[in-house]
């Protein structure tokens, strides 16, 4: 992996970690406060985690080197 790809992967993992913390905190506070709005926001943060996981997959595919079927690389996969 080149430097740019490593940076993208690291930033995505940081985003995932932050969203996990936010999701858990929002669920706990939402349950304690009986707040449907906060629980809905927790679901939104959980969806952000899934979107980040999809981004990791796209980064992995896009960073593949050229091959006979893709002579210019896989960069358009992102």
PDB file of N, CA and C in Angstrom:
ATOM      1  N   UNK A   1       0.843  -1.187   0.000  1.00  0.00           N
ATOM      2  CA  UNK A   1       0.000   0.000   0.000  1.00  0.00           C
ATOM      3  C   UNK A   1       0.883   1.245   0.000  1.00  0.00           C
ATOM      4  N   UNK A   2       0.486   2.199  -0.797  1.00  0.00           N
ATOM      5  CA  UNK A   2       1.242   3.445  -0.798  1.00  0.00           C
ATOM      6  C   UNK A   2       0.798   4.335   0.364  1.00  0.00           C
ATOM      7  N   UNK A   3       1.485   5.438   0.510  1.00  0.00           N
ATOM      8  CA  UNK A   3       1.243   6.335   1.655  1.00  0.00           C
ATOM      9  C   UNK A   3      -0.178   6.887   1.665  1.00  0.00           C
ATOM     10  N   UNK A   4      -0.660   7.294   0.487  1.00  0.00           N
ATOM     11  CA  UNK A   4      -2.008   7.864   0.409  1.00  0.00           C
ATOM     12  C   UNK A   4      -3.062   6.830   0.811  1.00  0.00           C
ATOM     13  N   UNK A   5      -2.907   5.608   0.355  1.00  0.00           N
ATOM     14  CA  UNK A   5      -3.864   4.550   0.697  1.00  0.00           C
ATOM     15  C   UNK A   5      -3.830   4.255   2.189  1.00  0.00           C
ATOM     16  N   UNK A   6      -2.630   4.192   2.761  1.00  0.00           N
ATOM     17  CA  UNK A   6      -2.515   3.963   4.213  1.00  0.00           C
ATOM     18  C   UNK A   6      -3.188   5.085   4.995  1.00  0.00           C
ATOM     19  N   UNK A   7      -3.042   6.315   4.510  1.00  0.00           N
ATOM     20  CA  UNK A   7      -3.685   7.453   5.171  1.00  0.00           C
ATOM     21  C   UNK A   7      -5.198   7.338   5.098  1.00  0.00           C
ATOM     22  N   UNK A   8      -5.712   6.953   3.925  1.00  0.00           N
ATOM     23  CA  UNK A   8      -7.162   6.780   3.771  1.00  0.00           C
ATOM     24  C   UNK A   8      -7.695   5.688   4.692  1.00  0.00           C
ATOM     25  N   UNK A   9      -6.978   4.584   4.748  1.00  0.00           N
ATOM     26  CA  UNK A   9      -7.406   3.471   5.604  1.00  0.00           C
ATOM     27  C   UNK A   9      -7.378   3.890   7.070  1.00  0.00           C
ATOM     28  N   UNK A  10      -6.319   4.572   7.480  1.00  0.00           N
ATOM     29  CA  UNK A  10      -6.210   5.008   8.876  1.00  0.00           C
ATOM     30  C   UNK A  10      -7.328   5.983   9.231  1.00  0.00           C
ATOM     31  N   UNK A  11      -7.600   6.937   8.346  1.00  0.00           N
ATOM     32  CA  UNK A  11      -8.666   7.908   8.605  1.00  0.00           C
ATOM     33  C   UNK A  11     -10.027   7.228   8.678  1.00  0.00           C
ATOM     34  N   UNK A  12     -10.231   6.236   7.841  1.00  0.00           N
ATOM     35  CA  UNK A  12     -11.504   5.514   7.866  1.00  0.00           C
ATOM     36  C   UNK A  12     -11.659   4.746   9.162  1.00  0.00           C
ATOM     37  N   UNK A  13     -10.574   4.116   9.630  1.00  0.00           N
ATOM     38  CA  UNK A  13     -10.643   3.389  10.905  1.00  0.00           C
ATOM     39  C   UNK A  13     -10.885   4.325  12.080  1.00  0.00           C
ATOM     40  N   UNK A  14     -10.306   5.519  12.033  1.00  0.00           N
ATOM     41  CA  UNK A  14     -10.572   6.506  13.088  1.00  0.00           C
ATOM     42  C   UNK A  14     -12.048   6.884  13.078  1.00  0.00           C
ATOM     43  N   UNK A  15     -12.600   7.102  11.886  1.00  0.00           N
ATOM     44  CA  UNK A  15     -14.022   7.419  11.770  1.00  0.00           C
ATOM     45  C   UNK A  15     -14.901   6.306  12.302  1.00  0.00           C
ATOM     46  N   UNK A  16     -14.531   5.073  12.020  1.00  0.00           N
ATOM     47  CA  UNK A  16     -15.294   3.931  12.526  1.00  0.00           C
ATOM     48  C   UNK A  16     -15.244   3.907  14.060  1.00  0.00           C
ATOM     49  N   UNK A  17     -14.056   4.089  14.612  1.00  0.00           N
ATOM     50  CA  UNK A  17     -13.915   4.068  16.076  1.00  0.00           C
ATOM     51  C   UNK A  17     -14.754   5.162  16.729  1.00  0.00           C
ATOM     52  N   UNK A  18     -14.700   6.361  16.171  1.00  0.00           N
ATOM     53  CA  UNK A  18     -15.487   7.470  16.725  1.00  0.00           C
ATOM     54  C   UNK A  18     -16.977   7.168  16.628  1.00  0.00           C
ATOM     55  N   UNK A  19     -17.410   6.627  15.495  1.00  0.00           N
ATOM     56  CA  UNK A  19     -18.833   6.320  15.333  1.00  0.00           C
ATOM     57  C   UNK A  19     -19.288   5.187  16.244  1.00  0.00           C
ATOM     58  N   UNK A  20     -18.415   4.241  16.527  1.00  0.00           N
ATOM     59  CA  UNK A  20     -18.775   3.180  17.482  1.00  0.00           C
ATOM     60  C   UNK A  20     -18.998   3.788  18.861  1.00  0.00           C
ATOM     61  N   UNK A  21     -18.079   4.664  19.273  1.00  0.00           N
ATOM     62  CA  UNK A  21     -18.220   5.323  20.580  1.00  0.00           C
ATOM     63  C   UNK A  21     -19.504   6.152  20.622  1.00  0.00           C
ATOM     64  N   UNK A  22     -19.751   6.915  19.568  1.00  0.00           N
ATOM     65  CA  UNK A  22     -20.969   7.728  19.518  1.00  0.00           C
ATOM     66  C   UNK A  22     -22.230   6.873  19.547  1.00  0.00           C
ATOM     67  N   UNK A  23     -22.214   5.791  18.787  1.00  0.00           N
ATOM     68  CA  UNK A  23     -23.390   4.918  18.732  1.00  0.00           C
ATOM     69  C   UNK A  23     -23.707   4.347  20.103  1.00  0.00           C
ATOM     70  N   UNK A  24     -22.688   3.824  20.766  1.00  0.00           N
ATOM     71  CA  UNK A  24     -22.899   3.236  22.097  1.00  0.00           C
ATOM     72  C   UNK A  24     -23.381   4.302  23.077  1.00  0.00           C
ATOM     73  N   UNK A  25     -22.743   5.455  23.066  1.00  0.00           N
ATOM     74  CA  UNK A  25     -23.139   6.530  23.989  1.00  0.00           C
ATOM     75  C   UNK A  25     -24.574   6.977  23.732  1.00  0.00           C
ATOM     76  N   UNK A  26     -24.940   7.125  22.469  1.00  0.00           N
ATOM     77  CA  UNK A  26     -26.303   7.556  22.149  1.00  0.00           C
ATOM     78  C   UNK A  26     -27.332   6.503  22.543  1.00  0.00           C
ATOM     79  N   UNK A  27     -26.997   5.240  22.386  1.00  0.00           N
ATOM     80  CA  UNK A  27     -27.925   4.182  22.797  1.00  0.00           C
ATOM     81  C   UNK A  27     -28.113   4.204  24.312  1.00  0.00           C
ATOM     82  N   UNK A  28     -27.006   4.292  25.039  1.00  0.00           N
ATOM     83  CA  UNK A  28     -27.092   4.291  26.507  1.00  0.00           C
ATOM     84  C   UNK A  28     -27.905   5.486  26.995  1.00  0.00           C
ATOM     85  N   UNK A  29     -27.550   6.677  26.525  1.00  0.00           N
ATOM     86  CA  UNK A  29     -28.262   7.869  26.973  1.00  0.00           C
ATOM     87  C   UNK A  29     -29.704   7.857  26.468  1.00  0.00           C
ATOM     88  N   UNK A  30     -29.914   7.367  25.260  1.00  0.00           N
ATOM     89  CA  UNK A  30     -31.273   7.294  24.720  1.00  0.00           C
ATOM     90  C   UNK A  30     -32.168   6.371  25.511  1.00  0.00           C
ATOM     91  N   UNK A  31     -31.622   5.245  25.963  1.00  0.00           N
ATOM     92  CA  UNK A  31     -32.406   4.307  26.780  1.00  0.00           C
ATOM     93  C   UNK A  31     -32.662   4.897  28.161  1.00  0.00           C
ATOM     94  N   UNK A  32     -31.624   5.464  28.766  1.00  0.00           N
ATOM     95  CA  UNK A  32     -31.777   6.040  30.108  1.00  0.00           C
ATOM     96  C   UNK A  32     -32.777   7.197  30.088  1.00  0.00           C
ATOM     97  N   UNK A  33     -32.695   8.038  29.068  1.00  0.00           N
ATOM     98  CA  UNK A  33     -33.571   9.208  28.984  1.00  0.00           C
ATOM     99  C   UNK A  33     -34.884   8.905  28.268  1.00  0.00           C
ATOM    100  N   UNK A  34     -35.046   7.673  27.792  1.00  0.00           N
ATOM    101  CA  UNK A  34     -36.236   7.277  27.026  1.00  0.00           C
ATOM    102  C   UNK A  34     -36.470   8.232  25.865  1.00  0.00           C
ATOM    103  N   UNK A  35     -35.396   8.516  25.141  1.00  0.00           N
ATOM    104  CA  UNK A  35     -35.454   9.460  24.026  1.00  0.00           C
ATOM    105  C   UNK A  35     -35.427   8.709  22.701  1.00  0.00           C
ATOM    106  N   UNK A  36     -36.560   8.717  22.008  1.00  0.00           N
ATOM    107  CA  UNK A  36     -36.630   8.070  20.701  1.00  0.00           C
ATOM    108  C   UNK A  36     -35.755   8.803  19.684  1.00  0.00           C
ATOM    109  N   UNK A  37     -35.658  10.114  19.817  1.00  0.00           N
ATOM    110  CA  UNK A  37     -34.833  10.893  18.888  1.00  0.00           C
ATOM    111  C   UNK A  37     -33.358  10.495  19.015  1.00  0.00           C
ATOM    112  N   UNK A  38     -32.897  10.303  20.228  1.00  0.00           N
ATOM    113  CA  UNK A  38     -31.499   9.930  20.430  1.00  0.00           C
ATOM    114  C   UNK A  38     -31.243   8.500  19.959  1.00  0.00           C
ATOM    115  N   UNK A  39     -32.204   7.615  20.138  1.00  0.00           N
ATOM    116  CA  UNK A  39     -32.058   6.257  19.637  1.00  0.00           C
ATOM    117  C   UNK A  39     -32.044   6.241  18.109  1.00  0.00           C
ATOM    118  N   UNK A  40     -32.849   7.098  17.494  1.00  0.00           N
ATOM    119  CA  UNK A  40     -32.836   7.197  16.038  1.00  0.00           C
ATOM    120  C   UNK A  40     -31.495   7.740  15.556  1.00  0.00           C
ATOM    121  N   UNK A  41     -30.937   8.683  16.281  1.00  0.00           N
ATOM    122  CA  UNK A  41     -29.628   9.215  15.917  1.00  0.00           C
ATOM    123  C   UNK A  41     -28.546   8.153  16.106  1.00  0.00           C
ATOM    124  N   UNK A  42     -28.708   7.283  17.086  1.00  0.00           N
ATOM    125  CA  UNK A  42     -27.772   6.169  17.266  1.00  0.00           C
ATOM    126  C   UNK A  42     -27.826   5.238  16.065  1.00  0.00           C
ATOM    127  N   UNK A  43     -29.017   4.996  15.539  1.00  0.00           N
ATOM    128  CA  UNK A  43     -29.151   4.167  14.342  1.00  0.00           C
ATOM    129  C   UNK A  43     -28.447   4.833  13.154  1.00  0.00           C
ATOM    130  N   UNK A  44     -28.543   6.148  13.072  1.00  0.00           N
ATOM    131  CA  UNK A  44     -27.864   6.879  12.004  1.00  0.00           C
ATOM    132  C   UNK A  44     -26.346   6.746  12.141  1.00  0.00           C
ATOM    133  N   UNK A  45     -25.836   6.830  13.347  1.00  0.00           N
ATOM    134  CA  UNK A  45     -24.396   6.651  13.571  1.00  0.00           C
ATOM    135  C   UNK A  45     -23.962   5.225  13.227  1.00  0.00           C
ATOM    136  N   UNK A  46     -24.820   4.256  13.515  1.00  0.00           N
ATOM    137  CA  UNK A  46     -24.518   2.866  13.151  1.00  0.00           C
ATOM    138  C   UNK A  46     -24.475   2.709  11.633  1.00  0.00           C
ATOM    139  N   UNK A  47     -25.350   3.404  10.938  1.00  0.00           N
ATOM    140  CA  UNK A  47     -25.328   3.358   9.470  1.00  0.00           C
ATOM    141  C   UNK A  47     -24.039   3.980   8.938  1.00  0.00           C
ATOM    142  N   UNK A  48     -23.531   4.996   9.614  1.00  0.00           N
ATOM    143  CA  UNK A  48     -22.252   5.594   9.222  1.00  0.00           C
ATOM    144  C   UNK A  48     -21.112   4.578   9.353  1.00  0.00           C
ATOM    145  N   UNK A  49     -21.200   3.705  10.347  1.00  0.00           N
ATOM    146  CA  UNK A  49     -20.191   2.656  10.500  1.00  0.00           C
ATOM    147  C   UNK A  49     -20.222   1.733   9.287  1.00  0.00           C
ATOM    148  N   UNK A  50     -21.421   1.348   8.878  1.00  0.00           N
ATOM    149  CA  UNK A  50     -21.541   0.480   7.704  1.00  0.00           C
ATOM    150  C   UNK A  50     -21.013   1.164   6.452  1.00  0.00           C
ATOM    151  N   UNK A  51     -21.300   2.442   6.294  1.00  0.00           N
ATOM    152  CA  UNK A  51     -20.799   3.190   5.140  1.00  0.00           C
ATOM    153  C   UNK A  51     -19.266   3.236   5.156  1.00  0.00           C
ATOM    154  N   UNK A  52     -18.679   3.373   6.313  1.00  0.00           N
ATOM    155  CA  UNK A  52     -17.219   3.390   6.415  1.00  0.00           C
ATOM    156  C   UNK A  52     -16.627   2.029   6.070  1.00  0.00           C
ATOM    157  N   UNK A  53     -17.312   0.964   6.452  1.00  0.00           N
ATOM    158  CA  UNK A  53     -16.833  -0.376   6.094  1.00  0.00           C
ATOM    159  C   UNK A  53     -16.880  -0.577   4.583  1.00  0.00           C
ATOM    160  N   UNK A  54     -17.922  -0.078   3.943  1.00  0.00           N
ATOM    161  CA  UNK A  54     -18.001  -0.134   2.481  1.00  0.00           C
ATOM    162  C   UNK A  54     -16.857   0.678   1.869  1.00  0.00           C
ATOM    163  N   UNK A  55     -16.548   1.816   2.459  1.00  0.00           N
ATOM    164  CA  UNK A  55     -15.432   2.633   1.972  1.00  0.00           C
ATOM    165  C   UNK A  55     -14.112   1.871   2.087  1.00  0.00           C
ATOM    166  N   UNK A  56     -13.915   1.127   3.162  1.00  0.00           N
ATOM    167  CA  UNK A  56     -12.691   0.329   3.302  1.00  0.00           C
ATOM    168  C   UNK A  56     -12.577  -0.707   2.190  1.00  0.00           C
ATOM    169  N   UNK A  57     -13.684  -1.340   1.858  1.00  0.00           N
ATOM    170  CA  UNK A  57     -13.681  -2.320   0.770  1.00  0.00           C
ATOM    171  C   UNK A  57     -13.341  -1.640  -0.553  1.00  0.00           C
ATOM    172  N   UNK A  58     -13.936  -0.470  -0.790  1.00  0.00           N
ATOM    173  CA  UNK A  58     -13.665   0.262  -2.025  1.00  0.00           C
ATOM    174  C   UNK A  58     -12.202   0.690  -2.099  1.00  0.00           C
ATOM    175  N   UNK A  59     -11.639   1.122  -0.986  1.00  0.00           N
ATOM    176  CA  UNK A  59     -10.234   1.518  -0.963  1.00  0.00           C
ATOM    177  C   UNK A  59      -9.346   0.323  -1.296  1.00  0.00           C
ATOM    178  N   UNK A  60      -9.670  -0.825  -0.730  1.00  0.00           N
ATOM    179  CA  UNK A  60      -8.881  -2.030  -0.987  1.00  0.00           C
ATOM    180  C   UNK A  60      -8.935  -2.401  -2.474  1.00  0.00           C
ATOM    181  N   UNK A  61     -10.113  -2.352  -3.073  1.00  0.00           N
ATOM    182  CA  UNK A  61     -10.245  -2.689  -4.491  1.00  0.00           C
ATOM    183  C   UNK A  61      -9.533  -1.658  -5.358  1.00  0.00           C
ATOM    184  N   UNK A  62      -9.722  -0.375  -5.049  1.00  0.00           N
ATOM    185  CA  UNK A  62      -9.139   0.692  -5.861  1.00  0.00           C
ATOM    186  C   UNK A  62      -7.620   0.716  -5.780  1.00  0.00           C
ATOM    187  N   UNK A  63      -7.048   0.189  -4.711  1.00  0.00           N
ATOM    188  CA  UNK A  63      -5.595   0.239  -4.559  1.00  0.00           C
ATOM    189  C   UNK A  63      -4.887  -0.944  -5.217  1.00  0.00           C
ATOM    190  N   UNK A  64      -5.641  -1.863  -5.815  1.00  0.00           N
ATOM    191  CA  UNK A  64      -5.008  -2.999  -6.492  1.00  0.00           C
ATOM    192  C   UNK A  64      -4.200  -2.493  -7.685  1.00  0.00           C
ATOM    193  N   UNK A  65      -3.067  -3.138  -7.946  1.00  0.00           N
ATOM    194  CA  UNK A  65      -2.252  -2.717  -9.091  1.00  0.00           C
ATOM    195  C   UNK A  65      -2.885  -3.146 -10.419  1.00  0.00           C
ATOM    196  N   UNK A  66      -2.404  -2.576 -11.514  1.00  0.00           N
ATOM    197  CA  UNK A  66      -2.921  -2.981 -12.825  1.00  0.00           C
ATOM    198  C   UNK A  66      -2.719  -4.473 -13.068  1.00  0.00           C
ATOM    199  N   UNK A  67      -3.621  -5.048 -13.849  1.00  0.00           N
ATOM    200  CA  UNK A  67      -3.508  -6.439 -14.260  1.00  0.00           C
ATOM    201  C   UNK A  67      -3.945  -6.515 -15.724  1.00  0.00           C
ATOM    202  N   UNK A  68      -3.899  -7.703 -16.349  1.00  0.00           N
ATOM    203  CA  UNK A  68      -4.260  -7.784 -17.771  1.00  0.00           C
ATOM    204  C   UNK A  68      -5.681  -7.294 -18.095  1.00  0.00           C
ATOM    205  N   UNK A  69      -6.603  -7.507 -17.186  1.00  0.00           N
ATOM    206  CA  UNK A  69      -7.984  -7.062 -17.430  1.00  0.00           C
ATOM    207  C   UNK A  69      -8.189  -5.585 -17.120  1.00  0.00           C
ATOM    208  N   UNK A  70      -7.331  -5.010 -16.305  1.00  0.00           N
ATOM    209  CA  UNK A  70      -7.425  -3.603 -15.900  1.00  0.00           C
ATOM    210  C   UNK A  70      -6.053  -2.960 -16.068  1.00  0.00           C
ATOM    211  N   UNK A  71      -5.647  -2.667 -17.311  1.00  0.00           N
ATOM    212  CA  UNK A  71      -4.287  -2.173 -17.544  1.00  0.00           C
ATOM    213  C   UNK A  71      -4.002  -0.815 -16.908  1.00  0.00           C
ATOM    214  N   UNK A  72      -5.020  -0.064 -16.560  1.00  0.00           N
ATOM    215  CA  UNK A  72      -4.816   1.246 -15.934  1.00  0.00           C
ATOM    216  C   UNK A  72      -5.072   1.216 -14.429  1.00  0.00           C
ATOM    217  N   UNK A  73      -5.243   0.023 -13.882  1.00  0.00           N
ATOM    218  CA  UNK A  73      -5.464  -0.126 -12.455  1.00  0.00           C
ATOM    219  C   UNK A  73      -6.954  -0.203 -12.124  1.00  0.00           C
ATOM    220  N   UNK A  74      -7.242  -0.204 -10.855  1.00  0.00           N
ATOM    221  CA  UNK A  74      -8.614  -0.354 -10.361  1.00  0.00           C
ATOM    222  C   UNK A  74      -9.129   0.919  -9.705  1.00  0.00           C
ATOM    223  N   UNK A  75      -8.508   2.029  -9.954  1.00  0.00           N
ATOM    224  CA  UNK A  75      -8.843   3.290  -9.295  1.00  0.00           C
ATOM    225  C   UNK A  75     -10.268   3.738  -9.464  1.00  0.00           C
ATOM    226  N   UNK A  76     -10.899   3.366 -10.567  1.00  0.00           N
ATOM    227  CA  UNK A  76     -12.289   3.781 -10.792  1.00  0.00           C
ATOM    228  C   UNK A  76     -13.279   3.017  -9.917  1.00  0.00           C
ATOM    229  N   UNK A  77     -12.818   1.998  -9.219  1.00  0.00           N
ATOM    230  CA  UNK A  77     -13.704   1.221  -8.346  1.00  0.00           C
ATOM    231  C   UNK A  77     -14.229   2.056  -7.198  1.00  0.00           C
ATOM    232  N   UNK A  78     -13.474   3.084  -6.835  1.00  0.00           N
ATOM    233  CA  UNK A  78     -13.919   3.884  -5.705  1.00  0.00           C
ATOM    234  C   UNK A  78     -15.127   4.690  -6.081  1.00  0.00           C
TER     235      UNK A  78
END
